[in-house]
């Protein structure tokens, strides 16, 4: 588990191993923690937007004492996910595509804000809306709680709708996942979310 102060110390160490200007985007519980909305997160979800940044961050994470558990074989760039472990802590590093589902888009990049610069590593936080979108794709109870936390701190639902709609093309009807998550939140929290995602 990471507390905010522990995560900062780790990023200082990673940043010291980054040799050229590099960006990484936080999209999960760590982003929520750095926004001041929660104290502890059990893992770290990061996105690199280029292969060169991915390789730099990969080397920096390994130099910081984490063990890579993913094989970089010919299939790697189809899943675009590397998993690193250290004691009971886990880091997931994605390359633009997250979970074979959503892309970290240019609009998401534009909505991100700089958290801090650690050496030559710029750590960016995804917007509340985009963290909500990523967390709406999973069935984990902890992600539902995080979605509720994000709602209480402010969500622009037009942004959520536009992002899901733009990525729900062809056979990729991701809006069903978000719609299901929203319905569950409305039913359990007695709140009304002012958009209808379910469109084709």
N, C-alpha and C. Protein backbone atom coordinates (compact mmCIF):
# COMPACT_ATOMS: atom_id res chain seq x y z
N UNK A 1 0.84 -1.20 0.00
CA UNK A 1 0.00 0.00 0.00
C UNK A 1 0.88 1.26 0.00
N UNK A 2 0.43 2.27 -0.70
CA UNK A 2 1.14 3.53 -0.74
C UNK A 2 0.36 4.61 0.00
N UNK A 3 1.03 5.28 0.93
CA UNK A 3 0.50 6.54 1.42
C UNK A 3 1.10 7.66 0.56
N UNK A 4 0.48 8.80 0.62
CA UNK A 4 0.90 9.89 -0.25
C UNK A 4 2.37 10.24 -0.05
N UNK A 5 2.81 10.27 1.20
CA UNK A 5 4.22 10.62 1.46
C UNK A 5 5.15 9.55 0.92
N UNK A 6 4.75 8.27 1.02
CA UNK A 6 5.57 7.19 0.49
C UNK A 6 5.67 7.28 -1.02
N UNK A 7 4.56 7.59 -1.65
CA UNK A 7 4.54 7.71 -3.10
C UNK A 7 5.44 8.84 -3.56
N UNK A 8 5.41 9.93 -2.86
CA UNK A 8 6.28 11.06 -3.21
C UNK A 8 7.75 10.67 -3.11
N UNK A 9 8.12 9.94 -2.05
CA UNK A 9 9.51 9.51 -1.90
C UNK A 9 9.92 8.59 -3.04
N UNK A 10 9.00 7.72 -3.44
CA UNK A 10 9.31 6.83 -4.56
C UNK A 10 9.51 7.63 -5.84
N UNK A 11 8.66 8.62 -6.08
CA UNK A 11 8.78 9.41 -7.30
C UNK A 11 10.07 10.22 -7.32
N UNK A 12 10.50 10.67 -6.15
CA UNK A 12 11.79 11.35 -6.07
C UNK A 12 12.90 10.42 -6.55
N UNK A 13 12.83 9.15 -6.10
CA UNK A 13 13.86 8.18 -6.49
C UNK A 13 13.78 7.86 -7.97
N UNK A 14 12.56 7.67 -8.47
CA UNK A 14 12.40 7.40 -9.90
C UNK A 14 12.90 8.58 -10.72
N UNK A 15 12.52 9.78 -10.30
CA UNK A 15 12.95 10.96 -11.04
C UNK A 15 14.46 11.08 -11.11
N UNK A 16 15.15 10.64 -10.07
CA UNK A 16 16.61 10.71 -10.06
C UNK A 16 17.24 9.76 -11.08
N UNK A 17 16.45 8.77 -11.54
CA UNK A 17 16.93 7.81 -12.53
C UNK A 17 16.46 8.12 -13.94
N UNK A 18 15.78 9.24 -14.11
CA UNK A 18 15.32 9.66 -15.43
C UNK A 18 16.33 10.63 -16.01
N UNK A 19 16.89 10.28 -17.18
CA UNK A 19 18.00 11.06 -17.72
C UNK A 19 17.62 12.14 -18.71
N UNK A 20 16.37 12.18 -19.13
CA UNK A 20 15.94 13.21 -20.08
C UNK A 20 14.48 13.55 -19.81
N UNK A 21 14.03 14.73 -20.26
CA UNK A 21 12.67 15.16 -19.96
C UNK A 21 11.63 14.12 -20.38
N UNK A 22 10.80 13.74 -19.42
CA UNK A 22 9.83 12.66 -19.63
C UNK A 22 8.55 13.01 -18.88
N UNK A 23 7.41 12.61 -19.46
CA UNK A 23 6.11 12.80 -18.82
C UNK A 23 5.49 11.45 -18.49
N UNK A 24 4.79 11.40 -17.37
CA UNK A 24 3.98 10.23 -17.04
C UNK A 24 2.65 10.75 -16.49
N UNK A 25 1.59 10.04 -16.79
CA UNK A 25 0.23 10.47 -16.43
C UNK A 25 -0.37 9.48 -15.44
N UNK A 26 -0.82 9.99 -14.31
CA UNK A 26 -1.43 9.15 -13.28
C UNK A 26 -2.94 9.14 -13.48
N UNK A 27 -3.53 7.93 -13.47
CA UNK A 27 -4.94 7.81 -13.85
C UNK A 27 -5.79 7.10 -12.80
N UNK A 28 -5.21 6.63 -11.70
CA UNK A 28 -5.96 5.83 -10.74
C UNK A 28 -5.99 6.42 -9.35
N UNK A 29 -5.92 5.52 -8.36
CA UNK A 29 -5.99 5.94 -6.98
C UNK A 29 -4.88 6.89 -6.58
N UNK A 30 -3.71 6.74 -7.21
CA UNK A 30 -2.60 7.65 -6.89
C UNK A 30 -2.94 9.08 -7.30
N UNK A 31 -3.62 9.24 -8.43
CA UNK A 31 -4.04 10.57 -8.85
C UNK A 31 -5.03 11.16 -7.85
N UNK A 32 -5.95 10.31 -7.39
CA UNK A 32 -6.94 10.77 -6.40
C UNK A 32 -6.25 11.16 -5.10
N UNK A 33 -5.23 10.40 -4.72
CA UNK A 33 -4.47 10.72 -3.51
C UNK A 33 -3.76 12.06 -3.64
N UNK A 34 -3.10 12.29 -4.78
CA UNK A 34 -2.38 13.54 -4.98
C UNK A 34 -3.32 14.74 -5.10
N UNK A 35 -4.57 14.49 -5.45
CA UNK A 35 -5.56 15.55 -5.45
C UNK A 35 -6.04 15.88 -4.04
N UNK A 36 -5.65 15.03 -3.07
CA UNK A 36 -6.04 15.25 -1.68
C UNK A 36 -7.37 14.63 -1.30
N UNK A 37 -7.88 13.71 -2.11
CA UNK A 37 -9.20 13.13 -1.89
C UNK A 37 -9.17 11.84 -1.06
N UNK A 38 -8.00 11.17 -1.01
CA UNK A 38 -7.88 9.93 -0.24
C UNK A 38 -6.44 9.81 0.25
N UNK A 39 -6.22 9.00 1.27
CA UNK A 39 -4.90 8.93 1.91
C UNK A 39 -4.05 7.78 1.39
N UNK A 40 -4.67 6.66 1.03
CA UNK A 40 -3.92 5.45 0.71
C UNK A 40 -4.42 4.85 -0.59
N UNK A 41 -3.51 4.33 -1.39
CA UNK A 41 -3.88 3.58 -2.59
C UNK A 41 -3.04 2.31 -2.64
N UNK A 42 -3.65 1.23 -3.11
CA UNK A 42 -2.96 -0.06 -3.06
C UNK A 42 -2.06 -0.29 -4.26
N UNK A 43 -2.24 0.47 -5.32
CA UNK A 43 -1.36 0.33 -6.47
C UNK A 43 -1.27 1.65 -7.22
N UNK A 44 -0.42 1.68 -8.23
CA UNK A 44 -0.20 2.90 -9.00
C UNK A 44 -0.46 2.59 -10.46
N UNK A 45 -1.31 3.39 -11.07
CA UNK A 45 -1.59 3.24 -12.50
C UNK A 45 -1.03 4.44 -13.24
N UNK A 46 -0.11 4.19 -14.17
CA UNK A 46 0.57 5.25 -14.90
C UNK A 46 0.43 5.00 -16.40
N UNK A 47 0.44 6.09 -17.15
CA UNK A 47 0.39 5.98 -18.61
C UNK A 47 1.54 6.79 -19.21
N UNK A 48 2.27 6.14 -20.11
CA UNK A 48 3.25 6.84 -20.95
C UNK A 48 2.63 6.96 -22.34
N UNK A 49 2.92 8.06 -23.01
CA UNK A 49 2.27 8.31 -24.30
C UNK A 49 3.15 8.02 -25.50
N UNK A 50 4.38 7.59 -25.27
CA UNK A 50 5.25 7.21 -26.38
C UNK A 50 6.13 6.04 -25.94
N UNK A 51 6.63 5.29 -26.91
CA UNK A 51 7.50 4.16 -26.59
C UNK A 51 8.79 4.65 -25.92
N UNK A 52 9.27 5.80 -26.36
CA UNK A 52 10.52 6.30 -25.77
C UNK A 52 10.32 6.67 -24.31
N UNK A 53 9.21 7.35 -23.98
CA UNK A 53 8.93 7.66 -22.58
C UNK A 53 8.70 6.38 -21.78
N UNK A 54 8.01 5.42 -22.40
CA UNK A 54 7.76 4.15 -21.72
C UNK A 54 9.08 3.49 -21.32
N UNK A 55 10.03 3.43 -22.23
CA UNK A 55 11.31 2.76 -21.95
C UNK A 55 12.09 3.49 -20.86
N UNK A 56 12.04 4.81 -20.89
CA UNK A 56 12.73 5.60 -19.86
C UNK A 56 12.13 5.32 -18.48
N UNK A 57 10.80 5.34 -18.40
CA UNK A 57 10.13 5.11 -17.13
C UNK A 57 10.32 3.68 -16.67
N UNK A 58 10.27 2.73 -17.59
CA UNK A 58 10.53 1.33 -17.26
C UNK A 58 11.89 1.17 -16.59
N UNK A 59 12.92 1.73 -17.18
CA UNK A 59 14.26 1.63 -16.60
C UNK A 59 14.34 2.31 -15.24
N UNK A 60 13.67 3.45 -15.10
CA UNK A 60 13.71 4.19 -13.84
C UNK A 60 13.00 3.43 -12.73
N UNK A 61 11.87 2.79 -13.05
CA UNK A 61 11.14 2.01 -12.05
C UNK A 61 11.99 0.83 -11.58
N UNK A 62 12.60 0.13 -12.52
CA UNK A 62 13.44 -1.02 -12.15
C UNK A 62 14.66 -0.58 -11.34
N UNK A 63 15.20 0.58 -11.68
CA UNK A 63 16.35 1.09 -10.92
C UNK A 63 15.95 1.52 -9.51
N UNK A 64 14.65 1.70 -9.27
CA UNK A 64 14.14 2.10 -7.97
C UNK A 64 13.80 0.91 -7.08
N UNK A 65 14.09 -0.30 -7.55
CA UNK A 65 13.91 -1.48 -6.71
C UNK A 65 12.70 -2.32 -7.00
N UNK A 66 11.90 -1.94 -8.01
CA UNK A 66 10.74 -2.74 -8.39
C UNK A 66 11.16 -3.81 -9.39
N UNK A 67 10.49 -4.95 -9.31
CA UNK A 67 10.78 -6.06 -10.21
C UNK A 67 9.73 -6.12 -11.31
N UNK A 68 10.20 -6.12 -12.56
CA UNK A 68 9.30 -6.24 -13.70
C UNK A 68 8.82 -7.69 -13.80
N UNK A 69 7.50 -7.89 -13.89
CA UNK A 69 6.94 -9.24 -13.98
C UNK A 69 6.39 -9.54 -15.37
N UNK A 70 6.51 -8.61 -16.28
CA UNK A 70 5.96 -8.75 -17.63
C UNK A 70 7.07 -9.09 -18.61
N UNK A 71 6.78 -10.01 -19.53
CA UNK A 71 7.71 -10.32 -20.61
C UNK A 71 7.46 -9.37 -21.78
N UNK A 72 8.51 -8.71 -22.21
CA UNK A 72 8.38 -7.82 -23.37
C UNK A 72 8.56 -8.64 -24.66
N UNK A 73 7.60 -9.51 -24.94
CA UNK A 73 7.66 -10.31 -26.15
C UNK A 73 6.92 -9.61 -27.28
N UNK A 74 6.72 -10.31 -28.38
CA UNK A 74 6.08 -9.69 -29.54
C UNK A 74 4.63 -9.29 -29.27
N UNK A 75 4.03 -9.89 -28.25
CA UNK A 75 2.64 -9.59 -27.95
C UNK A 75 2.49 -8.39 -27.01
N UNK A 76 3.61 -7.93 -26.47
CA UNK A 76 3.51 -6.91 -25.43
C UNK A 76 2.75 -5.67 -25.88
N UNK A 77 3.07 -5.18 -27.07
CA UNK A 77 2.47 -3.92 -27.49
C UNK A 77 1.01 -4.07 -27.91
N UNK A 78 0.48 -5.30 -27.84
CA UNK A 78 -0.97 -5.48 -28.01
C UNK A 78 -1.70 -5.23 -26.70
N UNK A 79 -1.05 -5.54 -25.59
CA UNK A 79 -1.66 -5.30 -24.29
C UNK A 79 -1.18 -3.99 -23.68
N UNK A 80 0.06 -3.60 -24.01
CA UNK A 80 0.61 -2.31 -23.59
C UNK A 80 0.55 -2.13 -22.08
N UNK A 81 0.92 -3.18 -21.35
CA UNK A 81 0.90 -3.12 -19.89
C UNK A 81 2.12 -3.80 -19.32
N UNK A 82 2.83 -3.11 -18.45
CA UNK A 82 3.93 -3.70 -17.70
C UNK A 82 3.58 -3.62 -16.22
N UNK A 83 3.84 -4.69 -15.50
CA UNK A 83 3.52 -4.79 -14.08
C UNK A 83 4.82 -4.92 -13.30
N UNK A 84 4.95 -4.11 -12.24
CA UNK A 84 6.13 -4.10 -11.39
C UNK A 84 5.70 -4.34 -9.95
N UNK A 85 6.47 -5.14 -9.22
CA UNK A 85 6.15 -5.45 -7.84
C UNK A 85 7.34 -5.17 -6.93
N UNK A 86 7.01 -4.70 -5.72
CA UNK A 86 8.01 -4.51 -4.68
C UNK A 86 7.30 -4.68 -3.35
N UNK A 87 7.65 -5.75 -2.63
CA UNK A 87 6.95 -6.10 -1.40
C UNK A 87 5.45 -6.22 -1.71
N UNK A 88 4.59 -5.46 -1.05
CA UNK A 88 3.15 -5.56 -1.31
C UNK A 88 2.65 -4.45 -2.22
N UNK A 89 3.58 -3.74 -2.88
CA UNK A 89 3.21 -2.63 -3.75
C UNK A 89 3.27 -3.04 -5.21
N UNK A 90 2.38 -2.48 -5.99
CA UNK A 90 2.30 -2.81 -7.41
C UNK A 90 2.18 -1.54 -8.24
N UNK A 91 2.88 -1.54 -9.36
CA UNK A 91 2.79 -0.46 -10.33
C UNK A 91 2.38 -1.04 -11.67
N UNK A 92 1.36 -0.46 -12.28
CA UNK A 92 0.97 -0.80 -13.64
C UNK A 92 1.33 0.37 -14.55
N UNK A 93 2.15 0.09 -15.55
CA UNK A 93 2.56 1.12 -16.51
C UNK A 93 1.97 0.77 -17.87
N UNK A 94 1.13 1.66 -18.37
CA UNK A 94 0.48 1.45 -19.66
C UNK A 94 1.14 2.30 -20.73
N UNK A 95 1.05 1.82 -21.95
CA UNK A 95 1.51 2.60 -23.09
C UNK A 95 0.30 3.05 -23.89
N UNK A 96 -0.19 4.22 -23.57
CA UNK A 96 -1.29 4.91 -24.23
C UNK A 96 -2.63 4.19 -24.11
N UNK A 97 -2.69 2.90 -24.44
CA UNK A 97 -3.93 2.15 -24.31
C UNK A 97 -4.01 1.54 -22.92
N UNK A 98 -5.18 1.62 -22.30
CA UNK A 98 -5.35 1.15 -20.93
C UNK A 98 -6.30 -0.05 -20.91
N UNK A 99 -5.77 -1.20 -20.53
CA UNK A 99 -6.57 -2.40 -20.38
C UNK A 99 -7.23 -2.88 -21.66
N UNK A 100 -6.58 -2.68 -22.81
CA UNK A 100 -7.14 -3.07 -24.10
C UNK A 100 -8.50 -2.41 -24.35
N UNK A 101 -8.75 -1.33 -23.66
CA UNK A 101 -10.07 -0.72 -23.75
C UNK A 101 -9.94 0.73 -24.19
N UNK A 102 -9.67 1.60 -23.23
CA UNK A 102 -9.65 3.03 -23.52
C UNK A 102 -8.27 3.51 -23.92
N UNK A 103 -8.24 4.51 -24.78
CA UNK A 103 -7.01 5.20 -25.11
C UNK A 103 -6.87 6.43 -24.22
N UNK A 104 -5.64 6.75 -23.87
CA UNK A 104 -5.38 8.03 -23.21
C UNK A 104 -5.25 9.04 -24.34
N UNK A 105 -6.29 9.81 -24.56
CA UNK A 105 -6.42 10.63 -25.75
C UNK A 105 -5.72 11.99 -25.61
N UNK A 106 -5.63 12.68 -26.73
CA UNK A 106 -5.07 14.02 -26.72
C UNK A 106 -5.89 14.96 -25.84
N UNK A 107 -7.20 14.77 -25.83
CA UNK A 107 -8.05 15.60 -24.97
C UNK A 107 -7.77 15.30 -23.50
N UNK A 108 -7.55 14.04 -23.18
CA UNK A 108 -7.18 13.70 -21.80
C UNK A 108 -5.86 14.34 -21.43
N UNK A 109 -4.92 14.30 -22.35
CA UNK A 109 -3.62 14.93 -22.12
C UNK A 109 -3.80 16.42 -21.85
N UNK A 110 -4.63 17.08 -22.65
CA UNK A 110 -4.85 18.52 -22.49
C UNK A 110 -5.53 18.85 -21.16
N UNK A 111 -6.36 17.94 -20.67
CA UNK A 111 -7.06 18.17 -19.39
C UNK A 111 -6.18 17.87 -18.19
N UNK A 112 -5.09 17.17 -18.38
CA UNK A 112 -4.21 16.82 -17.27
C UNK A 112 -3.49 18.05 -16.75
N UNK A 113 -3.13 18.00 -15.48
CA UNK A 113 -2.40 19.12 -14.87
C UNK A 113 -1.12 18.59 -14.23
N UNK A 114 -0.12 19.45 -14.21
CA UNK A 114 1.15 19.08 -13.61
C UNK A 114 1.00 18.98 -12.09
N UNK A 115 1.42 17.86 -11.55
CA UNK A 115 1.45 17.72 -10.09
C UNK A 115 2.77 18.26 -9.56
N UNK A 116 3.86 17.63 -9.96
CA UNK A 116 5.19 18.08 -9.57
C UNK A 116 6.20 17.56 -10.58
N UNK A 117 7.36 18.16 -10.58
CA UNK A 117 8.48 17.68 -11.38
C UNK A 117 9.51 17.07 -10.45
N UNK A 118 9.85 15.82 -10.72
CA UNK A 118 10.84 15.11 -9.92
C UNK A 118 12.05 14.86 -10.81
N UNK A 119 13.08 15.69 -10.63
CA UNK A 119 14.21 15.63 -11.54
C UNK A 119 13.75 16.04 -12.93
N UNK A 120 13.90 15.12 -13.89
CA UNK A 120 13.45 15.39 -15.25
C UNK A 120 12.12 14.70 -15.56
N UNK A 121 11.50 14.17 -14.52
CA UNK A 121 10.22 13.48 -14.69
C UNK A 121 9.06 14.40 -14.29
N UNK A 122 8.22 14.72 -15.25
CA UNK A 122 7.03 15.51 -14.97
C UNK A 122 5.86 14.56 -14.70
N UNK A 123 5.28 14.65 -13.51
CA UNK A 123 4.17 13.80 -13.12
C UNK A 123 2.88 14.58 -13.30
N UNK A 124 2.03 14.08 -14.18
CA UNK A 124 0.78 14.74 -14.53
C UNK A 124 -0.39 13.98 -13.91
N UNK A 125 -1.42 14.72 -13.49
CA UNK A 125 -2.62 14.11 -12.94
C UNK A 125 -3.75 14.21 -13.95
N UNK A 126 -4.36 13.08 -14.26
CA UNK A 126 -5.53 13.10 -15.13
C UNK A 126 -6.67 13.83 -14.42
N UNK A 127 -7.56 14.41 -15.19
CA UNK A 127 -8.69 15.15 -14.62
C UNK A 127 -9.63 14.22 -13.86
N UNK A 128 -10.44 14.80 -12.99
CA UNK A 128 -11.45 14.01 -12.28
C UNK A 128 -12.31 13.21 -13.26
N UNK A 129 -12.68 13.87 -14.36
CA UNK A 129 -13.55 13.22 -15.34
C UNK A 129 -12.88 12.00 -15.96
N UNK A 130 -11.59 12.14 -16.30
CA UNK A 130 -10.91 11.04 -16.97
C UNK A 130 -10.58 9.90 -16.01
N UNK A 131 -10.23 10.23 -14.77
CA UNK A 131 -10.04 9.16 -13.78
C UNK A 131 -11.36 8.41 -13.59
N UNK A 132 -12.46 9.14 -13.54
CA UNK A 132 -13.78 8.49 -13.42
C UNK A 132 -14.02 7.55 -14.59
N UNK A 133 -13.71 8.00 -15.81
CA UNK A 133 -13.93 7.16 -16.99
C UNK A 133 -13.13 5.87 -16.88
N UNK A 134 -11.86 5.96 -16.52
CA UNK A 134 -11.03 4.75 -16.42
C UNK A 134 -11.56 3.83 -15.32
N UNK A 135 -11.95 4.38 -14.20
CA UNK A 135 -12.43 3.55 -13.10
C UNK A 135 -13.82 2.97 -13.37
N UNK A 136 -14.57 3.59 -14.27
CA UNK A 136 -15.89 3.06 -14.60
C UNK A 136 -15.81 1.78 -15.43
N UNK A 137 -14.61 1.44 -15.90
CA UNK A 137 -14.44 0.26 -16.74
C UNK A 137 -14.19 -1.02 -15.94
N UNK A 138 -14.06 -0.93 -14.62
CA UNK A 138 -13.72 -2.10 -13.82
C UNK A 138 -14.84 -2.41 -12.82
N UNK A 139 -14.94 -3.68 -12.39
CA UNK A 139 -15.99 -4.07 -11.45
C UNK A 139 -15.55 -4.02 -9.99
N UNK A 140 -14.35 -3.56 -9.71
CA UNK A 140 -13.83 -3.63 -8.35
C UNK A 140 -14.55 -2.68 -7.41
N UNK A 141 -14.85 -3.18 -6.21
CA UNK A 141 -15.58 -2.36 -5.22
C UNK A 141 -14.82 -1.09 -4.89
N UNK A 142 -13.50 -1.18 -4.80
CA UNK A 142 -12.70 0.00 -4.48
C UNK A 142 -12.82 1.08 -5.53
N UNK A 143 -12.98 0.68 -6.79
CA UNK A 143 -13.12 1.66 -7.86
C UNK A 143 -14.48 2.35 -7.80
N UNK A 144 -15.50 1.64 -7.35
CA UNK A 144 -16.80 2.27 -7.15
C UNK A 144 -16.71 3.35 -6.08
N UNK A 145 -16.02 3.05 -5.00
CA UNK A 145 -15.84 4.04 -3.94
C UNK A 145 -15.06 5.24 -4.46
N UNK A 146 -14.04 4.98 -5.28
CA UNK A 146 -13.27 6.08 -5.85
C UNK A 146 -14.14 6.93 -6.78
N UNK A 147 -15.01 6.29 -7.54
CA UNK A 147 -15.92 7.04 -8.41
C UNK A 147 -16.83 7.95 -7.59
N UNK A 148 -17.31 7.44 -6.48
CA UNK A 148 -18.17 8.25 -5.60
C UNK A 148 -17.38 9.43 -5.04
N UNK A 149 -16.14 9.17 -4.64
CA UNK A 149 -15.28 10.24 -4.14
C UNK A 149 -15.10 11.33 -5.19
N UNK A 150 -14.84 10.93 -6.43
CA UNK A 150 -14.66 11.91 -7.50
C UNK A 150 -15.93 12.73 -7.72
N UNK A 151 -17.08 12.08 -7.65
CA UNK A 151 -18.34 12.79 -7.83
C UNK A 151 -18.51 13.86 -6.75
N UNK A 152 -18.17 13.51 -5.52
CA UNK A 152 -18.35 14.47 -4.43
C UNK A 152 -17.42 15.68 -4.57
N UNK A 153 -16.32 15.52 -5.31
CA UNK A 153 -15.39 16.63 -5.50
C UNK A 153 -15.58 17.35 -6.82
N UNK A 154 -16.56 16.92 -7.60
CA UNK A 154 -16.89 17.67 -8.81
C UNK A 154 -16.55 16.96 -10.10
N UNK A 155 -17.58 16.72 -10.91
CA UNK A 155 -17.42 16.08 -12.21
C UNK A 155 -18.18 16.91 -13.25
N UNK A 156 -17.52 17.18 -14.36
CA UNK A 156 -18.21 17.77 -15.50
C UNK A 156 -18.72 16.62 -16.36
N UNK A 157 -20.01 16.36 -16.28
CA UNK A 157 -20.56 15.18 -16.92
C UNK A 157 -20.57 15.29 -18.43
N UNK A 158 -20.55 16.47 -18.96
CA UNK A 158 -20.45 16.61 -20.42
C UNK A 158 -19.13 16.06 -20.93
N UNK A 159 -18.05 16.29 -20.15
CA UNK A 159 -16.74 15.77 -20.54
C UNK A 159 -16.76 14.25 -20.49
N UNK A 160 -17.33 13.68 -19.43
CA UNK A 160 -17.41 12.23 -19.31
C UNK A 160 -18.18 11.65 -20.50
N UNK A 161 -19.32 12.23 -20.78
CA UNK A 161 -20.14 11.74 -21.89
C UNK A 161 -19.38 11.82 -23.22
N UNK A 162 -18.78 12.97 -23.49
CA UNK A 162 -18.08 13.15 -24.77
C UNK A 162 -16.94 12.17 -24.93
N UNK A 163 -16.19 11.93 -23.85
CA UNK A 163 -15.05 11.02 -23.94
C UNK A 163 -15.51 9.58 -24.19
N UNK A 164 -16.51 9.14 -23.45
CA UNK A 164 -17.02 7.78 -23.65
C UNK A 164 -17.63 7.63 -25.04
N UNK A 165 -18.39 8.62 -25.46
CA UNK A 165 -19.03 8.54 -26.78
C UNK A 165 -17.99 8.50 -27.89
N UNK A 166 -16.93 9.29 -27.77
CA UNK A 166 -15.91 9.34 -28.82
C UNK A 166 -15.12 8.04 -28.91
N UNK A 167 -15.00 7.33 -27.79
CA UNK A 167 -14.24 6.08 -27.80
C UNK A 167 -15.12 4.85 -28.00
N UNK A 168 -16.42 5.04 -28.03
CA UNK A 168 -17.35 3.92 -28.24
C UNK A 168 -17.71 3.83 -29.71
N UNK A 169 -16.74 3.40 -30.50
CA UNK A 169 -16.94 3.30 -31.95
C UNK A 169 -16.91 1.83 -32.37
N UNK A 170 -17.63 1.52 -33.41
CA UNK A 170 -17.62 0.16 -33.93
C UNK A 170 -18.12 -0.83 -32.90
N UNK A 171 -17.30 -1.86 -32.66
CA UNK A 171 -17.68 -2.89 -31.69
C UNK A 171 -17.33 -2.51 -30.25
N UNK A 172 -16.64 -1.42 -30.08
CA UNK A 172 -16.19 -1.02 -28.74
C UNK A 172 -17.23 -0.14 -28.05
N UNK A 173 -18.24 -0.77 -27.51
CA UNK A 173 -19.32 -0.03 -26.86
C UNK A 173 -19.01 0.13 -25.37
N UNK A 174 -17.98 0.92 -25.08
CA UNK A 174 -17.54 1.07 -23.70
C UNK A 174 -18.57 1.78 -22.83
N UNK A 175 -19.49 2.52 -23.46
CA UNK A 175 -20.43 3.29 -22.65
C UNK A 175 -21.32 2.38 -21.79
N UNK A 176 -21.48 1.10 -22.20
CA UNK A 176 -22.28 0.19 -21.38
C UNK A 176 -21.67 0.00 -19.99
N UNK A 177 -20.33 -0.06 -19.93
CA UNK A 177 -19.65 -0.21 -18.65
C UNK A 177 -19.90 1.01 -17.77
N UNK A 178 -19.73 2.18 -18.35
CA UNK A 178 -19.94 3.41 -17.59
C UNK A 178 -21.40 3.56 -17.18
N UNK A 179 -22.29 3.24 -18.07
CA UNK A 179 -23.72 3.32 -17.76
C UNK A 179 -24.06 2.42 -16.58
N UNK A 180 -23.53 1.20 -16.59
CA UNK A 180 -23.78 0.27 -15.48
C UNK A 180 -23.23 0.80 -14.17
N UNK A 181 -22.04 1.38 -14.21
CA UNK A 181 -21.43 1.93 -13.00
C UNK A 181 -22.25 3.10 -12.47
N UNK A 182 -22.70 3.97 -13.37
CA UNK A 182 -23.50 5.12 -12.96
C UNK A 182 -24.81 4.67 -12.32
N UNK A 183 -25.46 3.67 -12.94
CA UNK A 183 -26.72 3.17 -12.37
C UNK A 183 -26.51 2.60 -10.98
N UNK A 184 -25.41 1.86 -10.79
CA UNK A 184 -25.12 1.31 -9.47
C UNK A 184 -24.89 2.39 -8.44
N UNK A 185 -24.18 3.44 -8.82
CA UNK A 185 -23.92 4.55 -7.89
C UNK A 185 -25.22 5.27 -7.55
N UNK A 186 -26.03 5.52 -8.55
CA UNK A 186 -27.31 6.20 -8.30
C UNK A 186 -28.19 5.39 -7.34
N UNK A 187 -28.22 4.07 -7.55
CA UNK A 187 -29.09 3.22 -6.74
C UNK A 187 -28.62 3.11 -5.29
N UNK A 188 -27.31 3.11 -5.07
CA UNK A 188 -26.78 2.91 -3.72
C UNK A 188 -26.57 4.22 -2.96
N UNK A 189 -26.37 5.31 -3.69
CA UNK A 189 -26.04 6.58 -3.04
C UNK A 189 -27.20 7.57 -3.02
N UNK A 190 -28.29 7.20 -3.65
CA UNK A 190 -29.46 8.08 -3.68
C UNK A 190 -29.13 9.45 -4.26
N UNK A 191 -28.39 9.42 -5.37
CA UNK A 191 -28.06 10.65 -6.08
C UNK A 191 -28.48 10.51 -7.54
N UNK A 192 -28.61 11.60 -8.21
CA UNK A 192 -28.95 11.60 -9.63
C UNK A 192 -27.77 12.15 -10.42
N UNK A 193 -27.32 11.38 -11.38
CA UNK A 193 -26.22 11.81 -12.25
C UNK A 193 -26.83 12.37 -13.54
N UNK A 194 -26.53 13.63 -13.85
CA UNK A 194 -27.32 14.36 -14.87
C UNK A 194 -26.94 14.10 -16.32
N UNK A 195 -26.62 12.86 -16.67
CA UNK A 195 -26.43 12.52 -18.07
C UNK A 195 -26.94 11.11 -18.29
N UNK A 196 -27.27 10.81 -19.54
CA UNK A 196 -27.62 9.46 -19.93
C UNK A 196 -26.55 9.00 -20.92
N UNK A 197 -25.72 8.04 -20.50
CA UNK A 197 -24.63 7.57 -21.33
C UNK A 197 -25.14 6.64 -22.43
N UNK A 198 -26.21 5.92 -22.16
CA UNK A 198 -26.62 4.83 -23.04
C UNK A 198 -27.21 5.37 -24.34
N UNK A 199 -26.34 5.61 -25.31
CA UNK A 199 -26.75 6.02 -26.65
C UNK A 199 -25.92 5.25 -27.65
N UNK A 200 -26.40 5.18 -28.85
CA UNK A 200 -25.64 4.50 -29.91
C UNK A 200 -25.32 5.47 -31.01
